[in-house]
Amino acid sequence: MENEYRMRELRRLLRASAEQAGWSGEAAIDVSGFQRDQTSYHYRDRANYSFQSMKTTTLIDVNSLAIKDVHFTTQKAGDSHIKLQVFRRNTEDLRVLSADANYL
């Protein structure tokens, strides 16, 4: 039986973990993508997956490498909108935020 977790619960666990690791307030934000077309059709049918790609936006402490926040999407939403959401959720805990030149 698979367990499903709500994103709020996952984010709460990540924040607690980052605090235990020693969150410094100096963070980096980045997006990674995953394309489903590299996965076999047989496996996709057997696992009952229906999406073709996924984007993951991650906020990571540059000193402890603790993950403070994540955002997952299977939609083709613009990166800048998602990045701003992650930034706004964590504004109070950030002293320095690093990102790619075209990121924010």
N, C-alpha and C. Protein backbone atom coordinates (compact mmCIF):
# COMPACT_ATOMS: atom_id res chain seq x y z
N MET A 1 0.84 -1.19 0.00
CA MET A 1 0.00 0.00 0.00
C MET A 1 0.88 1.25 0.00
N GLU A 2 0.57 2.17 -0.88
CA GLU A 2 1.35 3.39 -0.97
C GLU A 2 0.81 4.44 -0.01
N ASN A 3 1.72 5.20 0.58
CA ASN A 3 1.32 6.30 1.44
C ASN A 3 1.47 7.59 0.66
N GLU A 4 0.47 8.44 0.75
CA GLU A 4 0.53 9.74 0.10
C GLU A 4 0.63 10.81 1.17
N TYR A 5 1.48 11.78 0.91
CA TYR A 5 1.67 12.88 1.84
C TYR A 5 1.25 14.17 1.18
N ARG A 6 0.59 15.01 1.92
CA ARG A 6 0.24 16.32 1.40
C ARG A 6 1.48 17.18 1.33
N MET A 7 1.52 18.11 0.39
CA MET A 7 2.69 18.98 0.23
C MET A 7 2.96 19.79 1.49
N ARG A 8 1.93 20.22 2.19
CA ARG A 8 2.14 20.98 3.43
C ARG A 8 2.91 20.15 4.45
N GLU A 9 2.56 18.88 4.54
CA GLU A 9 3.24 17.99 5.48
C GLU A 9 4.69 17.76 5.06
N LEU A 10 4.91 17.57 3.77
CA LEU A 10 6.27 17.39 3.27
C LEU A 10 7.11 18.64 3.55
N ARG A 11 6.56 19.81 3.29
CA ARG A 11 7.29 21.05 3.53
C ARG A 11 7.57 21.25 5.01
N ARG A 12 6.63 20.89 5.87
CA ARG A 12 6.85 20.98 7.32
C ARG A 12 8.01 20.10 7.75
N LEU A 13 8.06 18.88 7.21
CA LEU A 13 9.16 17.97 7.53
C LEU A 13 10.50 18.49 7.01
N LEU A 14 10.49 19.05 5.80
CA LEU A 14 11.72 19.61 5.25
C LEU A 14 12.22 20.79 6.08
N ARG A 15 11.30 21.66 6.51
CA ARG A 15 11.71 22.81 7.33
C ARG A 15 12.30 22.35 8.65
N ALA A 16 11.67 21.36 9.29
CA ALA A 16 12.19 20.84 10.56
C ALA A 16 13.57 20.21 10.36
N SER A 17 13.74 19.49 9.28
CA SER A 17 15.03 18.87 8.97
C SER A 17 16.10 19.93 8.71
N ALA A 18 15.74 20.98 7.98
CA ALA A 18 16.69 22.06 7.69
C ALA A 18 17.10 22.79 8.96
N GLU A 19 16.17 22.98 9.88
CA GLU A 19 16.50 23.63 11.16
C GLU A 19 17.46 22.77 11.97
N GLN A 20 17.24 21.46 11.98
CA GLN A 20 18.14 20.56 12.70
C GLN A 20 19.53 20.53 12.06
N ALA A 21 19.60 20.67 10.76
CA ALA A 21 20.89 20.64 10.06
C ALA A 21 21.66 21.95 10.23
N GLY A 22 20.99 22.98 10.73
CA GLY A 22 21.64 24.27 10.92
C GLY A 22 21.41 25.22 9.77
N TRP A 23 20.18 25.61 9.55
CA TRP A 23 19.81 26.53 8.48
C TRP A 23 20.51 27.86 8.68
N SER A 24 21.32 28.28 7.69
CA SER A 24 22.11 29.51 7.82
C SER A 24 21.41 30.73 7.25
N GLY A 25 20.41 30.53 6.40
CA GLY A 25 19.74 31.64 5.75
C GLY A 25 20.36 32.02 4.42
N GLU A 26 21.47 31.37 4.06
CA GLU A 26 22.09 31.57 2.75
C GLU A 26 21.67 30.39 1.88
N ALA A 27 20.86 30.68 0.86
CA ALA A 27 20.25 29.60 0.09
C ALA A 27 20.44 29.78 -1.41
N ALA A 28 20.27 28.68 -2.12
CA ALA A 28 20.26 28.68 -3.58
C ALA A 28 18.94 28.06 -4.03
N ILE A 29 18.43 28.55 -5.14
CA ILE A 29 17.17 28.03 -5.68
C ILE A 29 17.43 27.58 -7.11
N ASP A 30 16.87 26.42 -7.47
CA ASP A 30 17.11 25.89 -8.81
C ASP A 30 15.94 25.00 -9.22
N VAL A 31 15.82 24.80 -10.54
CA VAL A 31 14.78 23.95 -11.12
C VAL A 31 15.44 22.80 -11.86
N SER A 32 14.91 21.62 -11.66
CA SER A 32 15.35 20.43 -12.41
C SER A 32 14.15 19.85 -13.12
N GLY A 33 14.38 19.24 -14.26
CA GLY A 33 13.28 18.63 -15.01
C GLY A 33 13.50 17.15 -15.23
N PHE A 34 12.42 16.44 -15.44
CA PHE A 34 12.45 15.01 -15.70
C PHE A 34 11.48 14.73 -16.84
N GLN A 35 11.97 14.12 -17.90
CA GLN A 35 11.13 13.80 -19.06
C GLN A 35 10.72 12.34 -19.02
N ARG A 36 9.44 12.08 -19.12
CA ARG A 36 8.92 10.72 -19.06
C ARG A 36 9.16 9.94 -20.34
N ASP A 37 9.46 10.58 -21.43
CA ASP A 37 9.61 9.85 -22.69
C ASP A 37 10.81 8.90 -22.66
N GLN A 38 11.69 9.04 -21.68
CA GLN A 38 12.82 8.13 -21.56
C GLN A 38 12.45 6.85 -20.82
N THR A 39 11.30 6.83 -20.21
CA THR A 39 10.82 5.65 -19.49
C THR A 39 10.06 4.75 -20.46
N SER A 40 10.20 3.45 -20.29
CA SER A 40 9.54 2.51 -21.21
C SER A 40 8.02 2.62 -21.10
N TYR A 41 7.34 2.43 -22.22
CA TYR A 41 5.88 2.47 -22.23
C TYR A 41 5.31 1.34 -21.37
N HIS A 42 5.94 0.20 -21.40
CA HIS A 42 5.47 -0.93 -20.59
C HIS A 42 5.47 -0.57 -19.10
N TYR A 43 6.55 0.02 -18.63
CA TYR A 43 6.62 0.42 -17.22
C TYR A 43 5.60 1.50 -16.91
N ARG A 44 5.45 2.49 -17.80
CA ARG A 44 4.49 3.57 -17.56
C ARG A 44 3.08 3.02 -17.47
N ASP A 45 2.72 2.08 -18.35
CA ASP A 45 1.38 1.48 -18.30
C ASP A 45 1.20 0.66 -17.04
N ARG A 46 2.20 -0.12 -16.69
CA ARG A 46 2.11 -0.98 -15.51
C ARG A 46 2.03 -0.15 -14.22
N ALA A 47 2.76 0.95 -14.16
CA ALA A 47 2.77 1.80 -12.97
C ALA A 47 1.62 2.81 -12.97
N ASN A 48 0.87 2.88 -14.08
CA ASN A 48 -0.28 3.77 -14.19
C ASN A 48 0.11 5.25 -14.07
N TYR A 49 1.21 5.64 -14.72
CA TYR A 49 1.62 7.03 -14.76
C TYR A 49 0.97 7.71 -15.94
N SER A 50 0.54 8.94 -15.77
CA SER A 50 -0.13 9.63 -16.87
C SER A 50 0.56 10.93 -17.28
N PHE A 51 1.54 11.41 -16.54
CA PHE A 51 2.18 12.66 -16.92
C PHE A 51 3.42 12.39 -17.76
N GLN A 52 3.83 13.41 -18.54
CA GLN A 52 4.97 13.26 -19.45
C GLN A 52 6.24 13.91 -18.91
N SER A 53 6.11 14.93 -18.08
CA SER A 53 7.29 15.59 -17.54
C SER A 53 6.98 16.16 -16.17
N MET A 54 8.04 16.39 -15.40
CA MET A 54 7.89 16.96 -14.07
C MET A 54 9.01 17.96 -13.85
N LYS A 55 8.67 19.07 -13.18
CA LYS A 55 9.66 20.06 -12.79
C LYS A 55 9.70 20.11 -11.27
N THR A 56 10.91 20.20 -10.74
CA THR A 56 11.11 20.29 -9.31
C THR A 56 11.90 21.56 -9.01
N THR A 57 11.34 22.43 -8.21
CA THR A 57 12.03 23.64 -7.75
C THR A 57 12.46 23.39 -6.32
N THR A 58 13.75 23.60 -6.04
CA THR A 58 14.31 23.27 -4.74
C THR A 58 15.03 24.48 -4.15
N LEU A 59 14.82 24.72 -2.84
CA LEU A 59 15.52 25.75 -2.09
C LEU A 59 16.46 25.03 -1.12
N ILE A 60 17.77 25.25 -1.28
CA ILE A 60 18.77 24.52 -0.53
C ILE A 60 19.70 25.48 0.21
N ASP A 61 20.00 25.17 1.47
CA ASP A 61 20.96 25.94 2.25
C ASP A 61 22.36 25.67 1.69
N VAL A 62 23.12 26.73 1.36
CA VAL A 62 24.43 26.52 0.73
C VAL A 62 25.48 26.05 1.72
N ASN A 63 25.27 26.22 3.01
CA ASN A 63 26.26 25.78 4.00
C ASN A 63 26.02 24.35 4.47
N SER A 64 24.80 24.03 4.84
CA SER A 64 24.51 22.68 5.36
C SER A 64 24.00 21.73 4.28
N LEU A 65 23.64 22.26 3.10
CA LEU A 65 23.05 21.49 1.99
C LEU A 65 21.70 20.89 2.35
N ALA A 66 21.05 21.44 3.36
CA ALA A 66 19.71 20.99 3.76
C ALA A 66 18.68 21.56 2.79
N ILE A 67 17.71 20.75 2.42
CA ILE A 67 16.61 21.20 1.56
C ILE A 67 15.55 21.83 2.44
N LYS A 68 15.26 23.09 2.20
CA LYS A 68 14.29 23.82 3.02
C LYS A 68 12.88 23.76 2.43
N ASP A 69 12.79 23.76 1.09
CA ASP A 69 11.47 23.80 0.45
C ASP A 69 11.58 23.19 -0.95
N VAL A 70 10.48 22.61 -1.40
CA VAL A 70 10.40 22.07 -2.75
C VAL A 70 9.03 22.40 -3.35
N HIS A 71 8.98 22.40 -4.66
CA HIS A 71 7.72 22.56 -5.38
C HIS A 71 7.78 21.62 -6.57
N PHE A 72 6.78 20.77 -6.72
CA PHE A 72 6.71 19.83 -7.84
C PHE A 72 5.54 20.23 -8.73
N THR A 73 5.73 20.12 -10.04
CA THR A 73 4.63 20.38 -10.96
C THR A 73 4.76 19.51 -12.20
N THR A 74 3.62 19.08 -12.70
CA THR A 74 3.57 18.37 -13.98
C THR A 74 2.97 19.25 -15.05
N GLN A 75 2.67 20.49 -14.69
CA GLN A 75 2.11 21.46 -15.63
C GLN A 75 3.24 22.20 -16.33
N LYS A 76 2.93 22.87 -17.41
CA LYS A 76 3.93 23.64 -18.12
C LYS A 76 3.90 25.09 -17.67
N ALA A 77 3.85 25.26 -16.36
CA ALA A 77 3.83 26.61 -15.79
C ALA A 77 5.20 27.26 -15.94
N GLY A 78 5.21 28.59 -16.00
CA GLY A 78 6.47 29.31 -16.11
C GLY A 78 7.29 29.17 -14.84
N ASP A 79 8.58 29.03 -15.00
CA ASP A 79 9.48 28.86 -13.86
C ASP A 79 9.46 30.05 -12.92
N SER A 80 9.40 31.26 -13.46
CA SER A 80 9.50 32.45 -12.61
C SER A 80 8.34 32.53 -11.62
N HIS A 81 7.15 32.13 -12.01
CA HIS A 81 6.00 32.14 -11.10
C HIS A 81 6.21 31.18 -9.93
N ILE A 82 6.70 29.99 -10.22
CA ILE A 82 6.94 28.99 -9.19
C ILE A 82 8.08 29.42 -8.27
N LYS A 83 9.13 29.97 -8.84
CA LYS A 83 10.27 30.42 -8.04
C LYS A 83 9.85 31.50 -7.05
N LEU A 84 8.99 32.41 -7.50
CA LEU A 84 8.51 33.46 -6.61
C LEU A 84 7.67 32.87 -5.47
N GLN A 85 6.88 31.83 -5.74
CA GLN A 85 6.11 31.17 -4.69
C GLN A 85 7.04 30.61 -3.62
N VAL A 86 8.07 29.89 -4.05
CA VAL A 86 9.03 29.29 -3.11
C VAL A 86 9.74 30.40 -2.33
N PHE A 87 10.14 31.45 -3.02
CA PHE A 87 10.81 32.58 -2.35
C PHE A 87 9.89 33.21 -1.30
N ARG A 88 8.66 33.50 -1.66
CA ARG A 88 7.73 34.17 -0.74
C ARG A 88 7.42 33.33 0.50
N ARG A 89 7.34 32.00 0.31
CA ARG A 89 7.09 31.13 1.47
C ARG A 89 8.23 31.16 2.48
N ASN A 90 9.43 31.53 2.02
CA ASN A 90 10.61 31.44 2.87
C ASN A 90 11.31 32.77 3.11
N THR A 91 10.67 33.88 2.76
CA THR A 91 11.28 35.20 2.84
C THR A 91 11.86 35.49 4.23
N GLU A 92 11.14 35.17 5.27
CA GLU A 92 11.58 35.51 6.63
C GLU A 92 12.84 34.76 7.03
N ASP A 93 13.10 33.60 6.44
CA ASP A 93 14.24 32.78 6.83
C ASP A 93 15.46 32.98 5.93
N LEU A 94 15.36 33.88 4.95
CA LEU A 94 16.46 34.08 4.00
C LEU A 94 17.24 35.35 4.29
N ARG A 95 18.56 35.23 4.26
CA ARG A 95 19.44 36.39 4.33
C ARG A 95 20.04 36.66 2.95
N VAL A 96 20.40 35.57 2.24
CA VAL A 96 20.99 35.65 0.91
C VAL A 96 20.33 34.59 0.05
N LEU A 97 19.96 34.95 -1.18
CA LEU A 97 19.39 33.98 -2.12
C LEU A 97 20.18 34.03 -3.42
N SER A 98 20.72 32.88 -3.81
CA SER A 98 21.47 32.77 -5.07
C SER A 98 20.62 32.04 -6.09
N ALA A 99 20.75 32.47 -7.33
CA ALA A 99 20.00 31.82 -8.43
C ALA A 99 20.74 32.10 -9.73
N ASP A 100 20.34 31.38 -10.78
CA ASP A 100 20.89 31.63 -12.10
C ASP A 100 20.54 33.05 -12.53
N ALA A 101 21.29 33.62 -13.46
CA ALA A 101 21.10 35.00 -13.90
C ALA A 101 19.69 35.26 -14.42
N ASN A 102 19.10 34.34 -15.13
CA ASN A 102 17.76 34.53 -15.70
C ASN A 102 16.66 33.96 -14.82
N TYR A 103 16.95 33.70 -13.58
CA TYR A 103 16.04 32.96 -12.73
C TYR A 103 14.95 33.81 -12.12
N LEU A 104 15.29 34.91 -11.47
CA LEU A 104 14.29 35.74 -10.77
C LEU A 104 14.06 37.04 -11.50
